[in-house]
């Protein structure tokens, strides 16, 4: 399973960005897709996750500002980030919990996308 991310970049505080991720390969079923981030010098943390195409969960720090949405048929997930703050600066990683055709279930990661929010 391969995850390819797009989006990210540099934005001023208060601005918006959208991250997109597409999964491909021998996918039988996507169980969940989500976004994690790793701020400079810190551990990777969950940002948002979507399961069943519509059930969402967010980190408290992004609730009300970020929205995760996906397309089950296309195996894609997006993260709309509004009202960005400097503390949102991080490398963002797409994640997929997927079952492949041989029945194996695994955790897969994108290449990472830099998001930088200037004050």
N, C-alpha and C. Protein backbone atom coordinates (compact mmCIF):
# COMPACT_ATOMS: atom_id res chain seq x y z
N UNK A 1 0.86 -1.18 0.00
CA UNK A 1 0.00 0.00 0.00
C UNK A 1 0.89 1.23 0.00
N UNK A 2 0.60 2.15 -0.89
CA UNK A 2 1.37 3.40 -0.97
C UNK A 2 0.43 4.57 -0.67
N UNK A 3 0.93 5.51 0.11
CA UNK A 3 0.20 6.72 0.42
C UNK A 3 0.97 7.91 -0.15
N UNK A 4 0.32 8.70 -0.96
CA UNK A 4 0.95 9.87 -1.55
C UNK A 4 0.23 11.12 -1.08
N UNK A 5 0.98 12.01 -0.45
CA UNK A 5 0.42 13.24 0.09
C UNK A 5 0.66 14.41 -0.87
N UNK A 6 -0.20 15.40 -0.77
CA UNK A 6 0.00 16.66 -1.47
C UNK A 6 -0.56 17.78 -0.61
N UNK A 7 -0.11 18.99 -0.92
CA UNK A 7 -0.54 20.14 -0.14
C UNK A 7 0.54 20.55 0.84
N UNK A 8 0.17 21.32 1.82
CA UNK A 8 1.13 21.83 2.77
C UNK A 8 1.81 23.07 2.24
N UNK A 9 2.77 23.57 3.02
CA UNK A 9 3.50 24.75 2.60
C UNK A 9 3.61 25.77 3.72
N UNK A 10 3.80 27.01 3.31
CA UNK A 10 4.00 28.12 4.25
C UNK A 10 2.78 29.04 4.22
N UNK A 11 2.28 29.41 5.39
CA UNK A 11 1.11 30.27 5.46
C UNK A 11 1.23 31.16 6.70
N UNK A 12 0.61 32.32 6.65
CA UNK A 12 0.60 33.20 7.81
C UNK A 12 -0.45 32.74 8.82
N UNK A 13 -0.24 33.10 10.06
CA UNK A 13 -1.21 32.77 11.10
C UNK A 13 -2.59 33.30 10.72
N UNK A 14 -3.60 32.45 10.95
CA UNK A 14 -4.95 32.80 10.56
C UNK A 14 -5.35 32.29 9.19
N UNK A 15 -4.38 31.83 8.44
CA UNK A 15 -4.64 31.35 7.10
C UNK A 15 -5.11 29.91 7.06
N UNK A 16 -5.26 29.40 5.84
CA UNK A 16 -5.77 28.04 5.63
C UNK A 16 -4.88 27.26 4.68
N UNK A 17 -4.88 25.96 4.88
CA UNK A 17 -4.20 25.03 3.97
C UNK A 17 -5.02 23.74 3.91
N UNK A 18 -4.84 23.00 2.84
CA UNK A 18 -5.48 21.70 2.73
C UNK A 18 -4.41 20.66 2.39
N UNK A 19 -4.45 19.55 3.11
CA UNK A 19 -3.62 18.40 2.82
C UNK A 19 -4.48 17.31 2.20
N UNK A 20 -3.93 16.61 1.22
CA UNK A 20 -4.63 15.52 0.58
C UNK A 20 -3.75 14.28 0.58
N UNK A 21 -4.40 13.12 0.60
CA UNK A 21 -3.65 11.86 0.62
C UNK A 21 -4.44 10.83 -0.17
N UNK A 22 -3.74 10.11 -1.02
CA UNK A 22 -4.36 9.05 -1.82
C UNK A 22 -3.64 7.73 -1.56
N UNK A 23 -4.42 6.71 -1.27
CA UNK A 23 -3.87 5.37 -1.04
C UNK A 23 -4.07 4.52 -2.28
N UNK A 24 -3.05 3.72 -2.60
CA UNK A 24 -3.14 2.83 -3.75
C UNK A 24 -2.43 1.52 -3.43
N UNK A 25 -2.67 0.52 -4.28
CA UNK A 25 -2.05 -0.78 -4.07
C UNK A 25 -3.10 -1.85 -3.93
N UNK A 26 -2.72 -2.98 -3.36
CA UNK A 26 -3.61 -4.14 -3.25
C UNK A 26 -4.51 -4.01 -2.03
N UNK A 27 -5.36 -3.02 -2.07
CA UNK A 27 -6.22 -2.70 -0.93
C UNK A 27 -7.54 -3.42 -1.03
N UNK A 28 -7.84 -4.20 -0.02
CA UNK A 28 -9.16 -4.83 0.06
C UNK A 28 -10.12 -3.89 0.78
N UNK A 29 -9.62 -3.27 1.84
CA UNK A 29 -10.48 -2.42 2.64
C UNK A 29 -9.65 -1.42 3.42
N UNK A 30 -10.10 -0.17 3.43
CA UNK A 30 -9.51 0.85 4.29
C UNK A 30 -10.32 0.86 5.58
N UNK A 31 -9.70 0.59 6.71
CA UNK A 31 -10.40 0.55 7.99
C UNK A 31 -10.47 1.93 8.63
N UNK A 32 -9.44 2.71 8.41
CA UNK A 32 -9.40 4.08 8.93
C UNK A 32 -8.31 4.84 8.20
N UNK A 33 -8.49 6.12 8.07
CA UNK A 33 -7.44 6.99 7.55
C UNK A 33 -7.35 8.21 8.44
N UNK A 34 -6.16 8.74 8.55
CA UNK A 34 -6.02 9.88 9.43
C UNK A 34 -4.76 10.67 9.16
N UNK A 35 -4.58 11.70 9.97
CA UNK A 35 -3.42 12.56 9.88
C UNK A 35 -2.75 12.66 11.26
N UNK A 36 -1.45 12.56 11.23
CA UNK A 36 -0.64 12.77 12.42
C UNK A 36 0.32 13.91 12.10
N UNK A 37 0.92 14.47 13.14
CA UNK A 37 1.93 15.50 12.91
C UNK A 37 3.05 15.38 13.92
N UNK A 38 4.21 15.85 13.52
CA UNK A 38 5.36 15.84 14.39
C UNK A 38 5.99 17.23 14.40
N UNK A 39 5.73 17.99 15.46
CA UNK A 39 6.34 19.32 15.58
C UNK A 39 7.85 19.18 15.81
N UNK A 40 8.59 20.23 15.54
CA UNK A 40 10.06 20.17 15.74
C UNK A 40 10.41 19.78 17.17
N UNK A 41 11.23 18.77 17.33
CA UNK A 41 11.69 18.35 18.64
C UNK A 41 10.67 17.62 19.49
N UNK A 42 9.53 17.28 18.89
CA UNK A 42 8.49 16.60 19.67
C UNK A 42 8.11 15.28 19.03
N UNK A 43 7.29 14.51 19.76
CA UNK A 43 6.85 13.23 19.23
C UNK A 43 5.68 13.40 18.28
N UNK A 44 5.50 12.38 17.46
CA UNK A 44 4.37 12.38 16.54
C UNK A 44 3.08 12.26 17.33
N UNK A 45 2.05 13.01 16.89
CA UNK A 45 0.77 13.01 17.59
C UNK A 45 -0.39 12.93 16.61
N UNK A 46 -1.49 12.38 17.09
CA UNK A 46 -2.69 12.28 16.26
C UNK A 46 -3.31 13.66 16.08
N UNK A 47 -3.71 13.96 14.85
CA UNK A 47 -4.43 15.20 14.55
C UNK A 47 -5.91 14.89 14.35
N UNK A 48 -6.21 13.97 13.45
CA UNK A 48 -7.60 13.64 13.15
C UNK A 48 -7.64 12.28 12.47
N UNK A 49 -8.76 11.58 12.65
CA UNK A 49 -8.93 10.27 12.04
C UNK A 49 -10.38 10.13 11.59
N UNK A 50 -10.58 9.39 10.50
CA UNK A 50 -11.92 9.12 10.02
C UNK A 50 -12.07 7.63 9.78
N UNK A 51 -13.17 7.06 10.27
CA UNK A 51 -13.46 5.64 10.09
C UNK A 51 -14.87 5.49 9.53
N UNK A 52 -15.06 4.42 8.80
CA UNK A 52 -16.38 4.17 8.25
C UNK A 52 -16.86 5.26 7.31
N UNK A 53 -15.94 6.06 6.83
CA UNK A 53 -16.29 7.12 5.89
C UNK A 53 -16.87 8.37 6.50
N UNK A 54 -17.31 8.29 7.78
CA UNK A 54 -17.97 9.47 8.34
C UNK A 54 -17.71 9.69 9.82
N UNK A 55 -17.22 8.71 10.53
CA UNK A 55 -16.95 8.89 11.96
C UNK A 55 -15.60 9.54 12.14
N UNK A 56 -15.58 10.68 12.81
CA UNK A 56 -14.35 11.45 12.93
C UNK A 56 -13.96 11.66 14.39
N UNK A 57 -12.67 11.85 14.58
CA UNK A 57 -12.15 12.14 15.90
C UNK A 57 -10.99 13.11 15.73
N UNK A 58 -10.93 14.11 16.61
CA UNK A 58 -9.92 15.16 16.49
C UNK A 58 -9.15 15.35 17.79
N UNK A 59 -7.91 15.78 17.65
CA UNK A 59 -7.17 16.23 18.82
C UNK A 59 -7.84 17.50 19.35
N UNK A 60 -7.83 17.67 20.65
CA UNK A 60 -8.47 18.85 21.24
C UNK A 60 -7.90 20.15 20.67
N UNK A 61 -6.62 20.14 20.36
CA UNK A 61 -5.96 21.36 19.92
C UNK A 61 -6.42 21.84 18.54
N UNK A 62 -7.10 20.97 17.78
CA UNK A 62 -7.51 21.36 16.43
C UNK A 62 -9.02 21.38 16.25
N UNK A 63 -9.76 20.97 17.25
CA UNK A 63 -11.22 20.93 17.15
C UNK A 63 -11.77 22.31 16.81
N UNK A 64 -12.68 22.34 15.84
CA UNK A 64 -13.28 23.60 15.44
C UNK A 64 -12.48 24.34 14.38
N UNK A 65 -11.24 23.92 14.14
CA UNK A 65 -10.41 24.58 13.14
C UNK A 65 -10.08 23.65 11.96
N UNK A 66 -9.92 22.38 12.25
CA UNK A 66 -9.55 21.42 11.20
C UNK A 66 -10.74 20.52 10.90
N UNK A 67 -10.84 20.10 9.65
CA UNK A 67 -11.88 19.17 9.24
C UNK A 67 -11.27 18.06 8.40
N UNK A 68 -11.55 16.81 8.77
CA UNK A 68 -11.08 15.67 7.99
C UNK A 68 -12.26 15.12 7.21
N UNK A 69 -12.03 14.80 5.95
CA UNK A 69 -13.07 14.20 5.14
C UNK A 69 -12.41 13.33 4.09
N UNK A 70 -13.16 12.31 3.65
CA UNK A 70 -12.56 11.36 2.73
C UNK A 70 -13.54 10.85 1.70
N UNK A 71 -13.00 10.08 0.79
CA UNK A 71 -13.80 9.43 -0.25
C UNK A 71 -13.45 7.96 -0.23
N UNK A 72 -14.36 7.14 0.28
CA UNK A 72 -14.08 5.70 0.41
C UNK A 72 -13.82 5.04 -0.94
N UNK A 73 -14.58 5.45 -1.95
CA UNK A 73 -14.46 4.82 -3.26
C UNK A 73 -13.10 5.08 -3.89
N UNK A 74 -12.51 6.23 -3.56
CA UNK A 74 -11.23 6.61 -4.16
C UNK A 74 -10.06 6.40 -3.19
N UNK A 75 -10.35 5.96 -1.99
CA UNK A 75 -9.30 5.75 -0.98
C UNK A 75 -8.48 7.03 -0.75
N UNK A 76 -9.18 8.12 -0.58
CA UNK A 76 -8.51 9.39 -0.33
C UNK A 76 -8.99 10.00 0.98
N UNK A 77 -8.15 10.84 1.54
CA UNK A 77 -8.51 11.58 2.74
C UNK A 77 -7.90 12.97 2.64
N UNK A 78 -8.64 13.94 3.15
CA UNK A 78 -8.19 15.33 3.12
C UNK A 78 -8.27 15.94 4.51
N UNK A 79 -7.43 16.91 4.74
CA UNK A 79 -7.47 17.65 6.00
C UNK A 79 -7.50 19.12 5.66
N UNK A 80 -8.65 19.74 5.93
CA UNK A 80 -8.80 21.18 5.74
C UNK A 80 -8.42 21.87 7.04
N UNK A 81 -7.42 22.72 6.97
CA UNK A 81 -6.91 23.38 8.16
C UNK A 81 -7.18 24.88 8.05
N UNK A 82 -8.00 25.39 8.94
CA UNK A 82 -8.34 26.81 8.97
C UNK A 82 -7.84 27.44 10.26
N UNK A 83 -7.79 28.75 10.28
CA UNK A 83 -7.35 29.49 11.47
C UNK A 83 -6.04 28.93 12.01
N UNK A 84 -5.10 28.74 11.13
CA UNK A 84 -3.83 28.13 11.52
C UNK A 84 -3.06 29.00 12.49
N UNK A 85 -2.35 28.32 13.40
CA UNK A 85 -1.56 28.99 14.42
C UNK A 85 -0.10 28.56 14.27
N UNK A 86 0.84 29.36 14.76
CA UNK A 86 2.25 28.96 14.68
C UNK A 86 2.51 27.59 15.32
N UNK A 87 1.77 27.26 16.35
CA UNK A 87 1.96 25.96 17.01
C UNK A 87 1.47 24.78 16.17
N UNK A 88 0.82 25.05 15.05
CA UNK A 88 0.45 23.98 14.12
C UNK A 88 1.61 23.59 13.21
N UNK A 89 2.69 24.34 13.29
CA UNK A 89 3.87 24.03 12.47
C UNK A 89 4.39 22.64 12.79
N UNK A 90 4.51 21.82 11.76
CA UNK A 90 4.93 20.42 11.95
C UNK A 90 5.05 19.75 10.59
N UNK A 91 5.61 18.56 10.61
CA UNK A 91 5.51 17.67 9.46
C UNK A 91 4.26 16.83 9.66
N UNK A 92 3.39 16.85 8.68
CA UNK A 92 2.12 16.13 8.76
C UNK A 92 2.22 14.83 7.96
N UNK A 93 1.75 13.74 8.56
CA UNK A 93 1.82 12.43 7.93
C UNK A 93 0.42 11.85 7.77
N UNK A 94 0.17 11.35 6.58
CA UNK A 94 -1.06 10.60 6.32
C UNK A 94 -0.86 9.17 6.81
N UNK A 95 -1.92 8.60 7.36
CA UNK A 95 -1.87 7.23 7.87
C UNK A 95 -3.09 6.46 7.40
N UNK A 96 -2.89 5.20 7.07
CA UNK A 96 -4.01 4.34 6.70
C UNK A 96 -3.90 3.00 7.43
N UNK A 97 -5.00 2.60 8.01
CA UNK A 97 -5.15 1.25 8.59
C UNK A 97 -5.88 0.48 7.50
N UNK A 98 -5.16 -0.42 6.82
CA UNK A 98 -5.73 -1.06 5.64
C UNK A 98 -5.56 -2.57 5.68
N UNK A 99 -6.53 -3.25 5.06
CA UNK A 99 -6.46 -4.70 4.87
C UNK A 99 -6.21 -4.94 3.39
N UNK A 100 -5.17 -5.70 3.09
CA UNK A 100 -4.84 -5.97 1.69
C UNK A 100 -5.48 -7.29 1.26
N UNK A 101 -5.30 -7.65 -0.01
CA UNK A 101 -6.04 -8.76 -0.58
C UNK A 101 -5.74 -10.11 0.06
N UNK A 102 -4.54 -10.28 0.62
CA UNK A 102 -4.25 -11.57 1.25
C UNK A 102 -4.77 -11.64 2.68
N UNK A 103 -5.49 -10.61 3.10
CA UNK A 103 -6.08 -10.59 4.43
C UNK A 103 -5.24 -9.94 5.49
N UNK A 104 -4.02 -9.58 5.16
CA UNK A 104 -3.13 -8.93 6.13
C UNK A 104 -3.60 -7.50 6.40
N UNK A 105 -3.61 -7.15 7.68
CA UNK A 105 -3.99 -5.80 8.08
C UNK A 105 -2.75 -5.08 8.56
N UNK A 106 -2.54 -3.87 8.07
CA UNK A 106 -1.34 -3.15 8.44
C UNK A 106 -1.55 -1.66 8.55
N UNK A 107 -0.51 -1.01 9.04
CA UNK A 107 -0.49 0.44 9.24
C UNK A 107 0.47 1.02 8.21
N UNK A 108 0.00 2.00 7.46
CA UNK A 108 0.82 2.55 6.37
C UNK A 108 0.93 4.06 6.52
N UNK A 109 2.06 4.60 6.03
CA UNK A 109 2.35 6.02 6.22
C UNK A 109 2.73 6.70 4.92
N UNK A 110 2.34 7.97 4.82
CA UNK A 110 2.78 8.80 3.71
C UNK A 110 4.18 9.33 3.96
N UNK A 111 4.66 10.12 3.01
CA UNK A 111 6.04 10.58 3.05
C UNK A 111 6.25 11.78 3.97
N UNK A 112 5.15 12.42 4.37
CA UNK A 112 5.24 13.60 5.23
C UNK A 112 5.20 14.89 4.42
N UNK A 113 4.47 15.86 4.96
CA UNK A 113 4.34 17.16 4.31
C UNK A 113 4.60 18.26 5.33
N UNK A 114 5.48 19.18 4.97
CA UNK A 114 5.81 20.26 5.90
C UNK A 114 4.72 21.33 5.87
N UNK A 115 4.26 21.70 7.04
CA UNK A 115 3.33 22.83 7.21
C UNK A 115 4.02 23.82 8.15
N UNK A 116 4.20 25.03 7.67
CA UNK A 116 4.84 26.06 8.46
C UNK A 116 3.91 27.26 8.57
N UNK A 117 3.62 27.67 9.79
CA UNK A 117 2.72 28.80 10.03
C UNK A 117 3.54 29.91 10.67
N UNK A 118 3.62 31.03 9.98
CA UNK A 118 4.40 32.16 10.49
C UNK A 118 3.50 33.10 11.29
N UNK A 119 4.10 33.73 12.29
CA UNK A 119 3.33 34.63 13.16
C UNK A 119 3.33 36.05 12.64
